[in-house]
N, C-alpha and C. Protein backbone atom coordinates (compact mmCIF):
# COMPACT_ATOMS: atom_id res chain seq x y z
N MET A 1 -42.71 36.35 11.57
CA MET A 1 -42.55 35.86 12.94
C MET A 1 -43.58 34.78 13.20
N SER A 2 -43.14 33.68 13.77
CA SER A 2 -44.08 32.64 14.18
C SER A 2 -44.68 33.01 15.53
N THR A 3 -45.84 32.44 15.80
CA THR A 3 -46.53 32.74 17.06
C THR A 3 -45.91 31.93 18.18
N PRO A 4 -45.49 32.61 19.27
CA PRO A 4 -44.90 31.88 20.40
C PRO A 4 -45.95 31.04 21.13
N THR A 5 -45.51 29.87 21.60
CA THR A 5 -46.36 29.03 22.44
C THR A 5 -46.40 29.63 23.85
N GLN A 6 -47.22 29.05 24.71
CA GLN A 6 -47.29 29.54 26.10
C GLN A 6 -45.93 29.41 26.79
N ALA A 7 -45.26 28.28 26.61
CA ALA A 7 -43.94 28.09 27.22
C ALA A 7 -42.93 29.08 26.65
N GLU A 8 -43.01 29.35 25.36
CA GLU A 8 -42.10 30.32 24.75
C GLU A 8 -42.38 31.73 25.25
N LEU A 9 -43.66 32.03 25.49
CA LEU A 9 -43.99 33.35 26.06
C LEU A 9 -43.41 33.52 27.46
N GLU A 10 -43.38 32.45 28.25
CA GLU A 10 -42.75 32.53 29.57
C GLU A 10 -41.29 32.94 29.43
N ILE A 11 -40.60 32.33 28.50
CA ILE A 11 -39.18 32.65 28.26
C ILE A 11 -39.04 34.08 27.75
N LEU A 12 -39.88 34.46 26.78
CA LEU A 12 -39.80 35.82 26.24
C LEU A 12 -40.08 36.86 27.32
N ASN A 13 -41.09 36.62 28.16
CA ASN A 13 -41.40 37.59 29.22
C ASN A 13 -40.22 37.78 30.16
N ILE A 14 -39.53 36.70 30.47
CA ILE A 14 -38.35 36.82 31.33
C ILE A 14 -37.26 37.63 30.62
N LEU A 15 -37.02 37.31 29.36
CA LEU A 15 -35.97 38.02 28.62
C LEU A 15 -36.34 39.48 28.37
N TRP A 16 -37.60 39.78 28.12
CA TRP A 16 -38.01 41.17 27.95
C TRP A 16 -37.77 41.95 29.25
N GLU A 17 -37.86 41.27 30.37
CA GLU A 17 -37.63 41.92 31.66
C GLU A 17 -36.13 42.11 31.95
N ILE A 18 -35.33 41.07 31.71
CA ILE A 18 -33.92 41.13 32.11
C ILE A 18 -32.96 41.43 30.96
N GLY A 19 -33.42 41.27 29.73
CA GLY A 19 -32.59 41.60 28.58
C GLY A 19 -31.92 40.40 27.93
N GLU A 20 -31.12 39.69 28.69
CA GLU A 20 -30.39 38.54 28.14
C GLU A 20 -29.93 37.64 29.27
N CYS A 21 -29.66 36.36 28.93
CA CYS A 21 -29.14 35.44 29.94
C CYS A 21 -28.67 34.15 29.30
N ARG A 22 -27.97 33.36 30.11
CA ARG A 22 -27.54 32.02 29.71
C ARG A 22 -28.66 31.02 30.02
N ILE A 23 -28.54 29.83 29.48
CA ILE A 23 -29.53 28.78 29.69
C ILE A 23 -29.72 28.50 31.18
N GLN A 24 -28.63 28.40 31.93
CA GLN A 24 -28.71 28.06 33.35
C GLN A 24 -29.56 29.08 34.12
N GLU A 25 -29.34 30.36 33.86
CA GLU A 25 -30.13 31.39 34.55
C GLU A 25 -31.60 31.30 34.15
N MET A 26 -31.86 31.08 32.86
CA MET A 26 -33.25 30.94 32.41
C MET A 26 -33.91 29.75 33.09
N ASN A 27 -33.19 28.64 33.15
CA ASN A 27 -33.75 27.44 33.78
C ASN A 27 -34.08 27.70 35.25
N GLU A 28 -33.21 28.41 35.95
CA GLU A 28 -33.46 28.74 37.36
C GLU A 28 -34.71 29.62 37.50
N ARG A 29 -34.86 30.59 36.61
CA ARG A 29 -36.03 31.47 36.66
C ARG A 29 -37.32 30.72 36.32
N LEU A 30 -37.26 29.84 35.32
CA LEU A 30 -38.44 29.06 34.95
C LEU A 30 -38.85 28.13 36.08
N ASN A 31 -37.87 27.58 36.80
CA ASN A 31 -38.18 26.67 37.89
C ASN A 31 -38.85 27.37 39.07
N LYS A 32 -38.79 28.68 39.11
CA LYS A 32 -39.54 29.43 40.13
C LYS A 32 -41.02 29.47 39.76
N LEU A 33 -41.32 29.27 38.47
CA LEU A 33 -42.71 29.26 37.99
C LEU A 33 -43.30 27.86 37.99
N ARG A 34 -42.49 26.89 37.55
CA ARG A 34 -42.92 25.49 37.45
C ARG A 34 -41.67 24.64 37.24
N PRO A 35 -41.75 23.35 37.56
CA PRO A 35 -40.58 22.49 37.37
C PRO A 35 -40.25 22.31 35.88
N VAL A 36 -39.00 22.59 35.52
CA VAL A 36 -38.55 22.45 34.13
C VAL A 36 -37.12 21.92 34.16
N GLY A 37 -36.87 20.90 33.36
CA GLY A 37 -35.52 20.35 33.27
C GLY A 37 -34.60 21.23 32.44
N TYR A 38 -33.32 21.15 32.74
CA TYR A 38 -32.32 21.96 32.02
C TYR A 38 -32.36 21.68 30.53
N THR A 39 -32.42 20.41 30.14
CA THR A 39 -32.40 20.07 28.72
C THR A 39 -33.68 20.55 28.02
N THR A 40 -34.79 20.58 28.73
CA THR A 40 -36.03 21.12 28.17
C THR A 40 -35.88 22.61 27.88
N THR A 41 -35.30 23.34 28.82
CA THR A 41 -35.05 24.77 28.63
C THR A 41 -34.10 24.98 27.46
N LEU A 42 -33.03 24.21 27.42
CA LEU A 42 -32.05 24.33 26.34
C LEU A 42 -32.72 24.09 24.98
N LYS A 43 -33.46 23.01 24.85
CA LYS A 43 -34.10 22.68 23.58
C LYS A 43 -35.12 23.74 23.19
N SER A 44 -35.90 24.19 24.15
CA SER A 44 -36.91 25.23 23.88
C SER A 44 -36.26 26.48 23.32
N MET A 45 -35.18 26.91 23.93
CA MET A 45 -34.52 28.13 23.49
C MET A 45 -33.82 27.94 22.14
N GLN A 46 -33.31 26.75 21.88
CA GLN A 46 -32.72 26.47 20.56
C GLN A 46 -33.79 26.52 19.48
N VAL A 47 -34.95 25.96 19.76
CA VAL A 47 -36.07 26.01 18.81
C VAL A 47 -36.51 27.46 18.59
N MET A 48 -36.53 28.24 19.66
CA MET A 48 -36.94 29.64 19.55
C MET A 48 -35.97 30.43 18.67
N VAL A 49 -34.70 30.09 18.70
CA VAL A 49 -33.72 30.72 17.80
C VAL A 49 -34.07 30.35 16.36
N GLN A 50 -34.36 29.08 16.11
CA GLN A 50 -34.72 28.62 14.77
C GLN A 50 -36.00 29.30 14.27
N LYS A 51 -36.94 29.57 15.17
CA LYS A 51 -38.20 30.21 14.81
C LYS A 51 -38.06 31.72 14.66
N GLY A 52 -36.91 32.27 15.03
CA GLY A 52 -36.70 33.71 14.93
C GLY A 52 -37.22 34.51 16.10
N LEU A 53 -37.54 33.82 17.20
CA LEU A 53 -38.04 34.49 18.40
C LEU A 53 -36.90 34.99 19.28
N LEU A 54 -35.80 34.25 19.29
CA LEU A 54 -34.61 34.60 20.08
C LEU A 54 -33.40 34.67 19.15
N ASP A 55 -32.38 35.33 19.65
CA ASP A 55 -31.08 35.31 19.01
C ASP A 55 -30.06 35.00 20.10
N ARG A 56 -28.83 34.72 19.71
CA ARG A 56 -27.81 34.40 20.70
C ARG A 56 -26.45 34.81 20.17
N ARG A 57 -25.54 34.95 21.13
CA ARG A 57 -24.15 35.23 20.78
C ARG A 57 -23.27 34.37 21.68
N LEU A 58 -22.13 34.01 21.16
CA LEU A 58 -21.20 33.19 21.91
C LEU A 58 -20.36 34.08 22.82
N GLU A 59 -20.29 33.72 24.08
CA GLU A 59 -19.45 34.44 25.04
C GLU A 59 -18.70 33.38 25.84
N GLY A 60 -17.42 33.29 25.59
CA GLY A 60 -16.65 32.21 26.20
C GLY A 60 -17.09 30.90 25.60
N ARG A 61 -17.49 29.98 26.46
CA ARG A 61 -17.94 28.67 25.98
C ARG A 61 -19.46 28.52 26.01
N SER A 62 -20.17 29.57 26.34
CA SER A 62 -21.63 29.46 26.42
C SER A 62 -22.31 30.54 25.58
N HIS A 63 -23.56 30.29 25.29
CA HIS A 63 -24.35 31.25 24.53
C HIS A 63 -25.14 32.16 25.46
N ILE A 64 -25.23 33.41 25.05
CA ILE A 64 -26.09 34.38 25.72
C ILE A 64 -27.30 34.58 24.81
N TYR A 65 -28.49 34.37 25.35
CA TYR A 65 -29.73 34.47 24.57
C TYR A 65 -30.42 35.80 24.86
N PHE A 66 -31.06 36.35 23.85
CA PHE A 66 -31.79 37.61 23.98
C PHE A 66 -32.95 37.61 22.97
N PRO A 67 -33.99 38.43 23.22
CA PRO A 67 -35.15 38.43 22.33
C PRO A 67 -34.78 38.97 20.94
N ALA A 68 -35.33 38.33 19.93
CA ALA A 68 -35.16 38.81 18.55
C ALA A 68 -36.40 39.55 18.08
N ILE A 69 -37.43 39.59 18.93
CA ILE A 69 -38.68 40.27 18.59
C ILE A 69 -39.01 41.27 19.68
N GLN A 70 -39.75 42.30 19.32
CA GLN A 70 -40.11 43.37 20.26
C GLN A 70 -41.33 42.97 21.10
N GLU A 71 -41.29 43.31 22.36
CA GLU A 71 -42.37 42.96 23.28
C GLU A 71 -43.70 43.58 22.86
N LYS A 72 -43.71 44.88 22.62
CA LYS A 72 -44.98 45.57 22.34
C LYS A 72 -45.64 45.04 21.07
N SER A 73 -44.89 44.90 19.99
CA SER A 73 -45.48 44.44 18.74
C SER A 73 -45.94 42.99 18.85
N THR A 74 -45.21 42.17 19.58
CA THR A 74 -45.60 40.77 19.76
C THR A 74 -46.89 40.67 20.56
N LYS A 75 -46.97 41.41 21.66
CA LYS A 75 -48.18 41.36 22.48
C LYS A 75 -49.37 41.95 21.74
N ASN A 76 -49.14 43.00 20.95
CA ASN A 76 -50.24 43.56 20.15
C ASN A 76 -50.76 42.55 19.15
N LYS A 77 -49.85 41.85 18.48
CA LYS A 77 -50.24 40.84 17.50
C LYS A 77 -51.03 39.72 18.16
N LEU A 78 -50.54 39.24 19.31
CA LEU A 78 -51.24 38.16 20.02
C LEU A 78 -52.61 38.62 20.52
N LEU A 79 -52.68 39.83 21.04
CA LEU A 79 -53.95 40.35 21.54
C LEU A 79 -54.95 40.54 20.40
N ASN A 80 -54.49 41.11 19.28
CA ASN A 80 -55.39 41.30 18.14
C ASN A 80 -55.91 39.97 17.61
N ARG A 81 -55.05 38.97 17.55
CA ARG A 81 -55.48 37.65 17.10
C ARG A 81 -56.52 37.07 18.07
N PHE A 82 -56.27 37.24 19.38
CA PHE A 82 -57.21 36.75 20.38
C PHE A 82 -58.57 37.45 20.25
N ILE A 83 -58.55 38.77 20.11
CA ILE A 83 -59.80 39.54 19.98
C ILE A 83 -60.54 39.12 18.71
N ASP A 84 -59.81 38.98 17.60
CA ASP A 84 -60.44 38.57 16.34
C ASP A 84 -61.07 37.19 16.45
N ASN A 85 -60.33 36.24 17.03
CA ASN A 85 -60.81 34.86 17.09
C ASN A 85 -61.86 34.62 18.16
N THR A 86 -61.78 35.34 19.26
CA THR A 86 -62.66 35.07 20.39
C THR A 86 -63.86 36.01 20.45
N PHE A 87 -63.66 37.26 20.08
CA PHE A 87 -64.72 38.28 20.21
C PHE A 87 -65.09 38.90 18.86
N ARG A 88 -64.79 38.18 17.78
CA ARG A 88 -65.12 38.64 16.42
C ARG A 88 -64.62 40.06 16.15
N GLY A 89 -63.47 40.37 16.69
CA GLY A 89 -62.84 41.66 16.44
C GLY A 89 -63.34 42.81 17.30
N SER A 90 -64.20 42.53 18.26
CA SER A 90 -64.79 43.59 19.08
C SER A 90 -64.01 43.78 20.39
N SER A 91 -63.29 44.89 20.48
CA SER A 91 -62.56 45.20 21.71
C SER A 91 -63.53 45.48 22.86
N SER A 92 -64.66 46.12 22.55
CA SER A 92 -65.61 46.43 23.62
C SER A 92 -66.18 45.16 24.24
N LYS A 93 -66.44 44.13 23.41
CA LYS A 93 -66.94 42.86 23.95
C LYS A 93 -65.89 42.22 24.87
N LEU A 94 -64.62 42.35 24.50
CA LEU A 94 -63.55 41.83 25.35
C LEU A 94 -63.55 42.54 26.70
N VAL A 95 -63.61 43.87 26.69
CA VAL A 95 -63.57 44.64 27.93
C VAL A 95 -64.79 44.33 28.80
N ILE A 96 -65.96 44.28 28.18
CA ILE A 96 -67.19 43.99 28.93
C ILE A 96 -67.11 42.60 29.55
N HIS A 97 -66.64 41.64 28.77
CA HIS A 97 -66.49 40.27 29.28
C HIS A 97 -65.48 40.22 30.43
N LEU A 98 -64.37 40.88 30.25
CA LEU A 98 -63.33 40.90 31.26
C LEU A 98 -63.82 41.53 32.56
N LEU A 99 -64.44 42.68 32.47
CA LEU A 99 -64.90 43.37 33.67
C LEU A 99 -66.07 42.66 34.32
N GLY A 100 -66.85 41.93 33.54
CA GLY A 100 -68.00 41.22 34.09
C GLY A 100 -67.64 39.91 34.77
N ASN A 101 -66.48 39.36 34.46
CA ASN A 101 -66.10 38.06 35.00
C ASN A 101 -65.07 38.12 36.11
N LYS A 102 -64.62 39.28 36.45
CA LYS A 102 -63.56 39.39 37.45
C LYS A 102 -63.89 40.54 38.39
N LYS A 103 -63.55 40.34 39.65
CA LYS A 103 -63.72 41.45 40.59
C LYS A 103 -62.77 42.56 40.21
N VAL A 104 -63.30 43.75 40.06
CA VAL A 104 -62.49 44.90 39.70
C VAL A 104 -62.55 45.87 40.87
N SER A 105 -61.38 46.27 41.34
CA SER A 105 -61.32 47.17 42.49
C SER A 105 -61.70 48.59 42.08
N ALA A 106 -62.04 49.38 43.07
CA ALA A 106 -62.37 50.78 42.82
C ALA A 106 -61.17 51.50 42.20
N GLU A 107 -59.98 51.14 42.63
CA GLU A 107 -58.76 51.75 42.07
C GLU A 107 -58.62 51.42 40.58
N GLU A 108 -58.89 50.16 40.23
CA GLU A 108 -58.81 49.76 38.82
C GLU A 108 -59.87 50.48 37.98
N ILE A 109 -61.06 50.63 38.53
CA ILE A 109 -62.12 51.35 37.81
C ILE A 109 -61.70 52.79 37.58
N ASN A 110 -61.11 53.41 38.58
CA ASN A 110 -60.63 54.79 38.41
C ASN A 110 -59.53 54.88 37.36
N GLU A 111 -58.63 53.90 37.32
CA GLU A 111 -57.58 53.88 36.30
C GLU A 111 -58.19 53.77 34.91
N ILE A 112 -59.20 52.93 34.79
CA ILE A 112 -59.87 52.74 33.50
C ILE A 112 -60.57 54.03 33.08
N LYS A 113 -61.27 54.67 34.02
CA LYS A 113 -61.95 55.93 33.72
C LYS A 113 -60.95 57.00 33.27
N GLU A 114 -59.82 57.08 33.95
CA GLU A 114 -58.79 58.06 33.59
C GLU A 114 -58.23 57.76 32.20
N PHE A 115 -58.01 56.51 31.92
CA PHE A 115 -57.52 56.12 30.59
C PHE A 115 -58.52 56.49 29.50
N LEU A 116 -59.81 56.21 29.73
CA LEU A 116 -60.84 56.55 28.76
C LEU A 116 -60.95 58.06 28.58
N LYS A 117 -60.78 58.79 29.65
CA LYS A 117 -60.82 60.25 29.57
C LYS A 117 -59.68 60.76 28.68
N GLN A 118 -58.49 60.18 28.85
CA GLN A 118 -57.35 60.59 28.04
C GLN A 118 -57.58 60.27 26.57
N ILE A 119 -58.21 59.14 26.29
CA ILE A 119 -58.50 58.75 24.89
C ILE A 119 -59.50 59.75 24.29
N GLU A 120 -60.54 60.12 25.05
CA GLU A 120 -61.55 61.04 24.55
C GLU A 120 -60.96 62.44 24.26
N GLU A 121 -59.97 62.83 25.05
CA GLU A 121 -59.36 64.15 24.87
C GLU A 121 -58.46 64.23 23.65
N LYS A 122 -58.05 63.10 23.11
CA LYS A 122 -57.16 63.11 21.93
C LYS A 122 -57.90 63.37 20.66
């Protein structure tokens, strides 16, 4: 699997949420995020098929596009690569950096504590 670009991740995130769609629907959804031309969306999705990120099937006169890769494994691969390249493989440095640079609500802290408690119990 090739690594998706940021624009390709936008498309994948939409498809992971809705399952499948035609180019027109994808273009409408992308335009809610940022201005994107129809032909840009079409070309991007065609390239993604060539890269093995998407697949498609013919329905009537148009193609229906859907993800060819799994969300969880793709995000894990991207996250692991980010941690390796940015934090020398240290997940704790990532968490410390993240929590130190962003306001974290009391609710989020409690969620994190509960998650850590569950990990310790395993």
